[in-house]
Amino acid sequence: MTQLRVMSGALDELTEGQIVLRGVIDPGSLGSLLQPTYQRETLRKAKTQELMEAFRSSTGRVPDVELAVRGERYGCTDSNGTYTITGDVYIIDGLQRISAARRFVSEGGKPLVGAMIHFETTEAWERERFDILNMCRTRLSPNILLRNRTAQCSSLCRLYDLCSDESFVLYQRVSWSQYMRREELLTALSFLKTVMRLHSKFGAGRYVSVAGLWQALPPMMSSVGHATMIDNVKSFFQLLDSTWGIRGILYKDRATHLKSGFLFALADVVSGYPMFWSGKSLCPDRDMQKKIGQFGLNDPNVRAMACSTSSIGLLSRLIVDHINSGKRTRRLVAPDPYQGGTRREV
């Protein structure tokens, strides 16, 4: 017979009169929890790693899980309020947290997993509870996660502060909140991914996750120089403002040049070709800005690609081919490996 131990437990009565047990799961009994048929599959390894990092953090806590006992088997076994539950205990909500906690235990850790445990449940009731919890839950925006990390990551804080700098063309136009306001044009995630791709020649920048972003940014900013990187970001978005306009935009849906696909593609082009740079400083000349401004943003195919991050490579090549069109000199020379444009003669 399986047993679940719940430490620092206390019985509680919900508003509907239902009795539940609240406490912390003994790490040694996490293996006794069962995965019912209505649960989703365990998420990818990367997500499990993110949750394990939460267990390693200073608080070492994740949101409480919800469990179900199809019976009334509980009893206080010692003066510290440790409850021992015998029989089958099912996971209603928190499978991913429990999976990460089990792995953390296998590596020698002691995760703190809080739980609310329902008694005398049926599978039908559990399914309904599972649906309610998952349909009504609002996923936390990456913008909030990034904003919260500014307290620990000075490099991220500099970019956050830049968005409140009146001299910046995106002044108060980047959303660091759960929901975008009408006047905001970019999410913090899109803004920061553009910055990372713009400087990808100086470090890992193109393919970083949200969790990896605040780890990859500090060494990149240190390599470029804090002040220089901020100036580069200003110059890049000033280029967009001078060419197609940013400050006067009222309806972001009509601004093709601020779609993530286009921003990432243009940032990749600028990052990849020496002609845009003087050392570590971004400095496109007037002729280059004028040529970029002639790119066919109103082409339906371009507009479609600008809205899709799956077409970044193709869109980058189109931008390079446009810049090189009609030129015999000062053509963009592709770095190795070949990424479009003119091949460097060897």
Protein backbone atom coordinates (compact mmCIF):
# COMPACT_ATOMS: atom_id res chain seq x y z
CA MET A 1 0.00 0.00 0.00
CA THR A 2 1.37 3.39 -0.99
CA GLN A 3 1.77 6.19 1.52
CA LEU A 4 2.02 9.95 1.15
CA ARG A 5 3.50 11.96 4.00
CA VAL A 6 2.46 15.61 4.34
CA MET A 7 4.53 17.71 6.74
CA SER A 8 3.35 20.81 8.64
CA GLY A 9 -0.16 19.81 7.69
CA ALA A 10 -3.40 21.43 8.72
CA LEU A 11 -7.01 20.69 7.84
CA ASP A 12 -8.93 23.55 6.26
CA GLU A 13 -12.53 24.09 5.21
CA LEU A 14 -13.25 25.64 1.85
CA THR A 15 -16.18 27.99 1.27
CA GLU A 16 -18.22 25.11 -0.14
CA GLY A 17 -17.78 23.22 3.15
CA GLN A 18 -15.26 20.77 1.72
CA ILE A 19 -12.43 19.67 4.04
CA VAL A 20 -8.93 19.79 2.53
CA LEU A 21 -5.45 19.21 3.89
CA ARG A 22 -2.74 21.81 3.30
CA GLY A 23 0.95 21.15 3.88
CA VAL A 24 4.33 20.30 2.36
CA ILE A 25 4.96 16.96 0.66
CA ASP A 26 7.74 14.86 2.15
CA PRO A 27 10.24 14.60 -0.77
CA GLY A 28 10.66 10.90 -0.05
CA SER A 29 7.01 10.19 -0.83
CA LEU A 30 6.74 12.10 -4.14
CA GLY A 31 7.09 8.80 -5.97
CA SER A 32 3.79 7.56 -4.54
CA LEU A 33 1.71 10.13 -6.44
CA LEU A 34 -0.25 8.79 -9.40
CA GLN A 35 -0.82 10.35 -12.83
CA PRO A 36 -4.48 9.97 -13.83
CA THR A 37 -5.63 9.50 -17.41
CA TYR A 38 -7.01 13.04 -17.69
CA GLN A 39 -3.56 14.58 -17.13
CA ARG A 40 -1.48 15.96 -19.98
CA GLU A 41 1.88 14.42 -20.80
CA THR A 42 5.05 15.50 -19.01
CA LEU A 43 6.56 18.52 -20.73
CA ARG A 44 9.91 18.65 -22.51
CA LYS A 45 13.19 18.36 -20.63
CA ALA A 46 13.95 22.09 -20.93
CA LYS A 47 10.78 22.97 -19.00
CA THR A 48 11.70 20.46 -16.29
CA GLN A 49 15.12 22.09 -16.02
CA GLU A 50 13.51 25.52 -15.56
CA LEU A 51 11.38 24.19 -12.70
CA MET A 52 14.42 22.56 -11.12
CA GLU A 53 16.13 25.96 -11.15
CA ALA A 54 13.16 27.25 -9.15
CA PHE A 55 13.84 24.60 -6.51
CA ARG A 56 17.49 25.67 -6.42
CA SER A 57 16.61 29.35 -5.99
CA SER A 58 16.78 31.24 -2.72
CA THR A 59 13.13 30.51 -1.88
CA GLY A 60 13.16 27.00 -3.30
CA ARG A 61 9.38 27.08 -3.77
CA VAL A 62 6.96 26.67 -6.64
CA PRO A 63 3.18 27.19 -6.58
CA ASP A 64 1.27 24.57 -4.59
CA VAL A 65 -0.05 21.49 -6.36
CA GLU A 66 -3.53 20.00 -5.99
CA LEU A 67 -3.99 16.31 -5.19
CA ALA A 68 -7.00 14.03 -4.81
CA VAL A 69 -7.70 11.10 -2.49
CA ARG A 70 -10.62 8.91 -3.51
CA GLY A 71 -11.41 8.21 0.08
CA GLU A 72 -10.94 9.68 3.56
CA ARG A 73 -7.60 8.21 4.61
CA TYR A 74 -5.65 10.71 6.67
CA GLY A 75 -4.36 10.91 10.19
CA CYS A 76 -2.00 13.04 12.23
CA THR A 77 0.88 10.80 13.23
CA ASP A 78 3.07 13.07 15.33
CA SER A 79 3.10 16.32 17.26
CA ASN A 80 4.65 18.23 14.33
CA GLY A 81 1.51 17.86 12.25
CA THR A 82 2.76 15.20 9.82
CA TYR A 83 -0.13 13.45 8.09
CA THR A 84 0.19 10.02 6.53
CA ILE A 85 -2.23 9.23 3.72
CA THR A 86 -2.57 5.61 2.67
CA GLY A 87 -4.01 4.49 -0.61
CA ASP A 88 -4.03 6.09 -4.05
CA VAL A 89 -3.35 9.82 -4.34
CA TYR A 90 -3.82 11.40 -7.79
CA ILE A 91 -2.30 14.56 -9.26
CA ILE A 92 -5.03 17.02 -10.29
CA ASP A 93 -2.79 20.04 -10.92
CA GLY A 94 1.00 20.29 -10.85
CA LEU A 95 2.27 17.28 -12.79
CA GLN A 96 5.18 19.25 -14.23
CA ARG A 97 6.20 20.60 -10.81
CA ILE A 98 6.03 17.14 -9.28
CA SER A 99 8.02 15.61 -12.17
CA ALA A 100 10.74 18.24 -11.70
CA ALA A 101 10.70 17.68 -7.93
CA ARG A 102 11.18 13.92 -8.40
CA ARG A 103 14.15 14.54 -10.64
CA PHE A 104 15.53 17.06 -8.15
CA VAL A 105 15.29 14.39 -5.43
CA SER A 106 17.13 11.89 -7.66
CA GLU A 107 20.01 14.38 -7.84
CA GLY A 108 20.18 14.73 -4.08
CA GLY A 109 17.95 17.78 -3.65
CA LYS A 110 15.13 18.38 -1.18
CA PRO A 111 12.38 20.28 -3.00
CA LEU A 112 9.69 22.14 -1.11
CA VAL A 113 6.37 21.30 -2.76
CA GLY A 114 3.26 22.65 -1.09
CA ALA A 115 -0.03 20.85 -1.66
CA MET A 116 -3.76 21.16 -1.19
CA ILE A 117 -5.31 17.70 -0.93
CA HIS A 118 -8.98 16.96 -1.59
CA PHE A 119 -10.68 13.92 -0.05
CA GLU A 120 -13.54 11.66 -1.09
CA THR A 121 -13.19 12.64 -4.73
CA THR A 122 -14.31 10.82 -7.86
CA GLU A 123 -12.56 10.74 -11.22
CA ALA A 124 -15.41 12.75 -12.75
CA TRP A 125 -15.01 15.49 -10.11
CA GLU A 126 -11.24 15.53 -10.63
CA ARG A 127 -11.65 15.90 -14.38
CA GLU A 128 -13.95 18.87 -13.88
CA ARG A 129 -11.50 20.43 -11.43
CA PHE A 130 -8.62 19.85 -13.86
CA ASP A 131 -10.56 21.56 -16.67
CA ILE A 132 -11.51 24.53 -14.48
CA LEU A 133 -7.94 25.10 -13.31
CA ASN A 134 -6.46 24.91 -16.80
CA MET A 135 -9.12 26.79 -18.74
CA CYS A 136 -9.30 29.67 -16.30
CA ARG A 137 -5.57 30.05 -15.72
CA THR A 138 -3.81 32.99 -17.39
CA ARG A 139 -0.30 32.12 -18.42
CA LEU A 140 2.24 34.53 -16.98
CA SER A 141 3.60 36.77 -19.72
CA PRO A 142 7.35 36.55 -20.46
CA ASN A 143 7.30 40.35 -20.23
CA ILE A 144 6.61 40.08 -16.49
CA LEU A 145 9.37 37.51 -16.02
CA LEU A 146 11.84 39.75 -17.84
CA ARG A 147 10.77 42.86 -15.93
CA ASN A 148 11.17 41.03 -12.63
CA ARG A 149 14.68 39.91 -13.58
CA THR A 150 15.87 43.49 -13.92
CA ALA A 151 16.36 43.54 -10.14
CA GLN A 152 19.09 40.88 -10.41
CA CYS A 153 20.48 41.55 -13.90
CA SER A 154 22.02 45.00 -14.35
CA SER A 155 22.38 44.52 -18.13
CA LEU A 156 18.67 43.80 -18.45
CA CYS A 157 17.93 46.76 -16.18
CA ARG A 158 19.81 49.09 -18.55
CA LEU A 159 17.59 48.05 -21.45
CA TYR A 160 14.49 48.33 -19.27
CA ASP A 161 15.49 51.86 -18.27
CA LEU A 162 16.18 52.74 -21.92
CA CYS A 163 12.48 52.25 -22.66
CA SER A 164 11.75 55.10 -20.23
CA ASP A 165 14.34 57.40 -21.84
CA GLU A 166 12.61 60.23 -23.70
CA SER A 167 15.46 60.39 -26.23
CA PHE A 168 14.72 56.82 -27.36
CA VAL A 169 12.26 56.43 -30.25
CA LEU A 170 10.53 53.59 -28.37
CA TYR A 171 9.99 55.72 -25.27
CA GLN A 172 7.03 54.17 -23.44
CA ARG A 173 6.22 52.03 -26.50
CA VAL A 174 7.58 48.69 -25.16
CA SER A 175 5.31 46.56 -23.01
CA TRP A 176 6.83 45.03 -19.87
CA SER A 177 3.38 44.03 -18.55
CA GLN A 178 0.96 41.11 -18.80
CA TYR A 179 -1.08 42.89 -21.46
CA MET A 180 -0.06 45.51 -24.02
CA ARG A 181 -1.60 48.95 -23.83
CA ARG A 182 -2.93 50.54 -27.00
CA GLU A 183 0.04 52.89 -27.37
CA GLU A 184 2.64 50.11 -26.95
CA LEU A 185 4.18 48.72 -30.13
CA LEU A 186 6.47 45.90 -29.00
CA THR A 187 6.53 43.35 -26.24
CA ALA A 188 9.61 43.33 -24.04
CA LEU A 189 10.40 39.83 -25.35
CA SER A 190 10.40 40.95 -29.01
CA PHE A 191 12.42 44.05 -28.15
CA LEU A 192 15.08 42.08 -26.26
CA LYS A 193 15.28 39.32 -28.88
CA THR A 194 15.86 42.01 -31.50
CA VAL A 195 18.65 43.51 -29.37
CA MET A 196 20.24 40.08 -28.91
CA ARG A 197 20.12 39.27 -32.62
CA LEU A 198 21.50 42.72 -33.47
CA HIS A 199 24.57 41.90 -31.35
CA SER A 200 24.77 38.17 -32.10
CA LYS A 201 28.22 38.63 -33.66
CA PHE A 202 29.46 39.39 -30.14
CA GLY A 203 27.90 36.41 -28.36
CA ALA A 204 25.04 33.92 -28.21
CA GLY A 205 22.06 35.96 -29.30
CA ARG A 206 19.89 34.33 -31.93
CA TYR A 207 18.53 31.23 -30.26
CA VAL A 208 18.18 31.95 -26.54
CA SER A 209 15.11 31.07 -24.49
CA VAL A 210 13.43 33.49 -22.13
CA ALA A 211 15.28 31.90 -19.21
CA GLY A 212 18.55 31.97 -21.16
CA LEU A 213 18.18 35.58 -22.20
CA TRP A 214 19.17 37.15 -18.89
CA GLN A 215 22.12 34.73 -18.74
CA ALA A 216 23.39 35.47 -22.26
CA LEU A 217 22.89 39.24 -22.11
CA PRO A 218 25.47 40.21 -19.42
CA PRO A 219 28.55 38.69 -21.16
CA MET A 220 27.38 40.08 -24.49
CA MET A 221 26.92 43.59 -23.07
CA SER A 222 30.26 43.34 -21.30
CA SER A 223 31.94 42.39 -24.58
CA VAL A 224 30.34 45.22 -26.57
CA GLY A 225 30.47 47.80 -23.77
CA HIS A 226 27.44 48.94 -21.81
CA ALA A 227 27.24 52.45 -23.26
CA THR A 228 28.07 51.24 -26.77
CA MET A 229 25.35 48.62 -26.75
CA ILE A 230 22.74 51.13 -25.62
CA ASP A 231 23.86 53.50 -28.39
CA ASN A 232 23.62 50.67 -30.92
CA VAL A 233 20.05 49.91 -29.86
CA LYS A 234 19.17 53.58 -30.19
CA SER A 235 20.77 53.73 -33.65
CA PHE A 236 18.97 50.63 -34.90
CA PHE A 237 15.51 51.83 -33.93
CA GLN A 238 16.36 55.38 -35.05
CA LEU A 239 17.06 53.86 -38.47
CA LEU A 240 13.57 52.37 -38.47
CA ASP A 241 12.04 55.64 -37.30
CA SER A 242 13.87 57.70 -39.94
CA THR A 243 12.96 55.23 -42.67
CA TRP A 244 9.38 54.17 -41.95
CA GLY A 245 8.43 56.01 -38.77
CA ILE A 246 7.88 54.86 -35.20
CA ARG A 247 7.05 57.88 -33.05
CA GLY A 248 3.93 58.72 -35.02
CA ILE A 249 2.46 55.20 -35.20
CA LEU A 250 -1.07 54.97 -33.86
CA TYR A 251 -2.05 51.46 -34.96
CA LYS A 252 0.69 48.88 -34.52
CA ASP A 253 -1.08 46.28 -36.70
CA ARG A 254 -0.28 48.39 -39.77
CA ALA A 255 3.44 48.74 -38.96
CA THR A 256 5.06 45.89 -40.91
CA HIS A 257 8.55 47.07 -39.96
CA LEU A 258 7.77 46.44 -36.26
CA LYS A 259 6.60 42.86 -36.71
CA SER A 260 8.91 40.37 -34.99
CA GLY A 261 9.77 38.54 -38.20
CA PHE A 262 10.97 41.69 -39.93
CA LEU A 263 12.81 43.06 -36.88
CA PHE A 264 14.67 39.78 -36.40
CA ALA A 265 15.51 39.51 -40.11
CA LEU A 266 16.85 43.08 -40.35
CA ALA A 267 18.78 42.66 -37.09
CA ASP A 268 20.38 39.49 -38.50
CA VAL A 269 21.43 41.34 -41.66
CA VAL A 270 22.87 44.28 -39.74
CA SER A 271 24.70 41.98 -37.34
CA GLY A 272 26.15 39.84 -40.09
CA TYR A 273 27.77 42.40 -42.40
CA PRO A 274 30.83 44.52 -41.48
CA MET A 275 29.66 47.45 -43.61
CA PHE A 276 27.17 48.40 -40.89
CA TRP A 277 29.81 48.59 -38.16
CA SER A 278 32.79 50.59 -37.01
CA GLY A 279 34.41 48.30 -34.51
CA LYS A 280 31.63 47.49 -32.04
CA SER A 281 29.55 50.55 -32.87
CA LEU A 282 26.62 50.47 -35.27
CA CYS A 283 26.96 53.22 -37.85
CA PRO A 284 25.00 52.72 -41.10
CA ASP A 285 25.67 55.55 -43.55
CA ARG A 286 22.99 57.68 -45.23
CA ASP A 287 23.13 55.81 -48.54
CA MET A 288 22.58 52.50 -46.72
CA GLN A 289 19.64 53.92 -44.78
CA LYS A 290 18.11 55.26 -47.98
CA LYS A 291 18.52 51.90 -49.73
CA ILE A 292 16.94 50.01 -46.82
CA GLY A 293 14.04 52.47 -46.88
CA GLN A 294 13.28 51.44 -50.47
CA PHE A 295 12.66 47.82 -49.47
CA GLY A 296 9.16 46.73 -50.51
CA LEU A 297 7.38 46.49 -47.17
CA ASN A 298 3.99 46.74 -48.88
CA ASP A 299 4.56 43.58 -50.89
CA PRO A 300 1.95 41.05 -49.63
CA ASN A 301 4.57 38.28 -49.48
CA VAL A 302 6.90 40.46 -47.42
CA ARG A 303 4.10 41.43 -45.07
CA ALA A 304 3.22 37.77 -44.57
CA MET A 305 6.84 36.84 -43.85
CA ALA A 306 7.20 39.76 -41.45
CA CYS A 307 4.45 38.24 -39.30
CA SER A 308 6.13 34.83 -39.12
CA THR A 309 9.35 33.94 -37.34
CA SER A 310 9.63 30.84 -39.54
CA SER A 311 10.57 33.01 -42.56
CA ILE A 312 13.39 35.03 -40.97
CA GLY A 313 16.14 33.43 -43.09
CA LEU A 314 14.32 34.01 -46.37
CA LEU A 315 13.39 37.56 -45.42
CA SER A 316 17.01 38.30 -44.51
CA ARG A 317 18.16 37.13 -47.94
CA LEU A 318 15.54 39.32 -49.62
CA ILE A 319 16.79 42.35 -47.68
CA VAL A 320 20.40 41.61 -48.63
CA ASP A 321 19.50 41.09 -52.30
CA HIS A 322 17.58 44.38 -52.29
CA ILE A 323 20.51 46.31 -50.78
CA ASN A 324 22.89 44.82 -53.36
CA SER A 325 20.57 45.36 -56.32
CA GLY A 326 21.87 47.87 -58.84
CA LYS A 327 25.24 48.16 -57.10
CA ARG A 328 28.67 47.48 -58.55
CA THR A 329 30.53 48.66 -55.49
CA ARG A 330 29.86 48.75 -51.75
CA ARG A 331 27.87 45.55 -51.95
CA LEU A 332 27.24 43.53 -48.84
CA VAL A 333 29.84 40.79 -48.65
CA ALA A 334 28.61 37.68 -46.88
CA PRO A 335 30.65 36.35 -44.00
CA ASP A 336 31.44 32.67 -43.92
CA PRO A 337 29.47 30.47 -43.98
CA TYR A 338 27.63 32.00 -46.94
CA GLN A 339 24.34 33.61 -45.87
CA GLY A 340 23.33 35.43 -49.06
CA GLY A 341 24.65 38.58 -50.72
CA THR A 342 27.93 38.56 -52.61
CA ARG A 343 30.46 35.82 -51.91
CA ARG A 344 33.81 36.97 -50.69
CA GLU A 345 36.48 36.33 -53.32
CA VAL A 346 39.28 34.07 -52.10
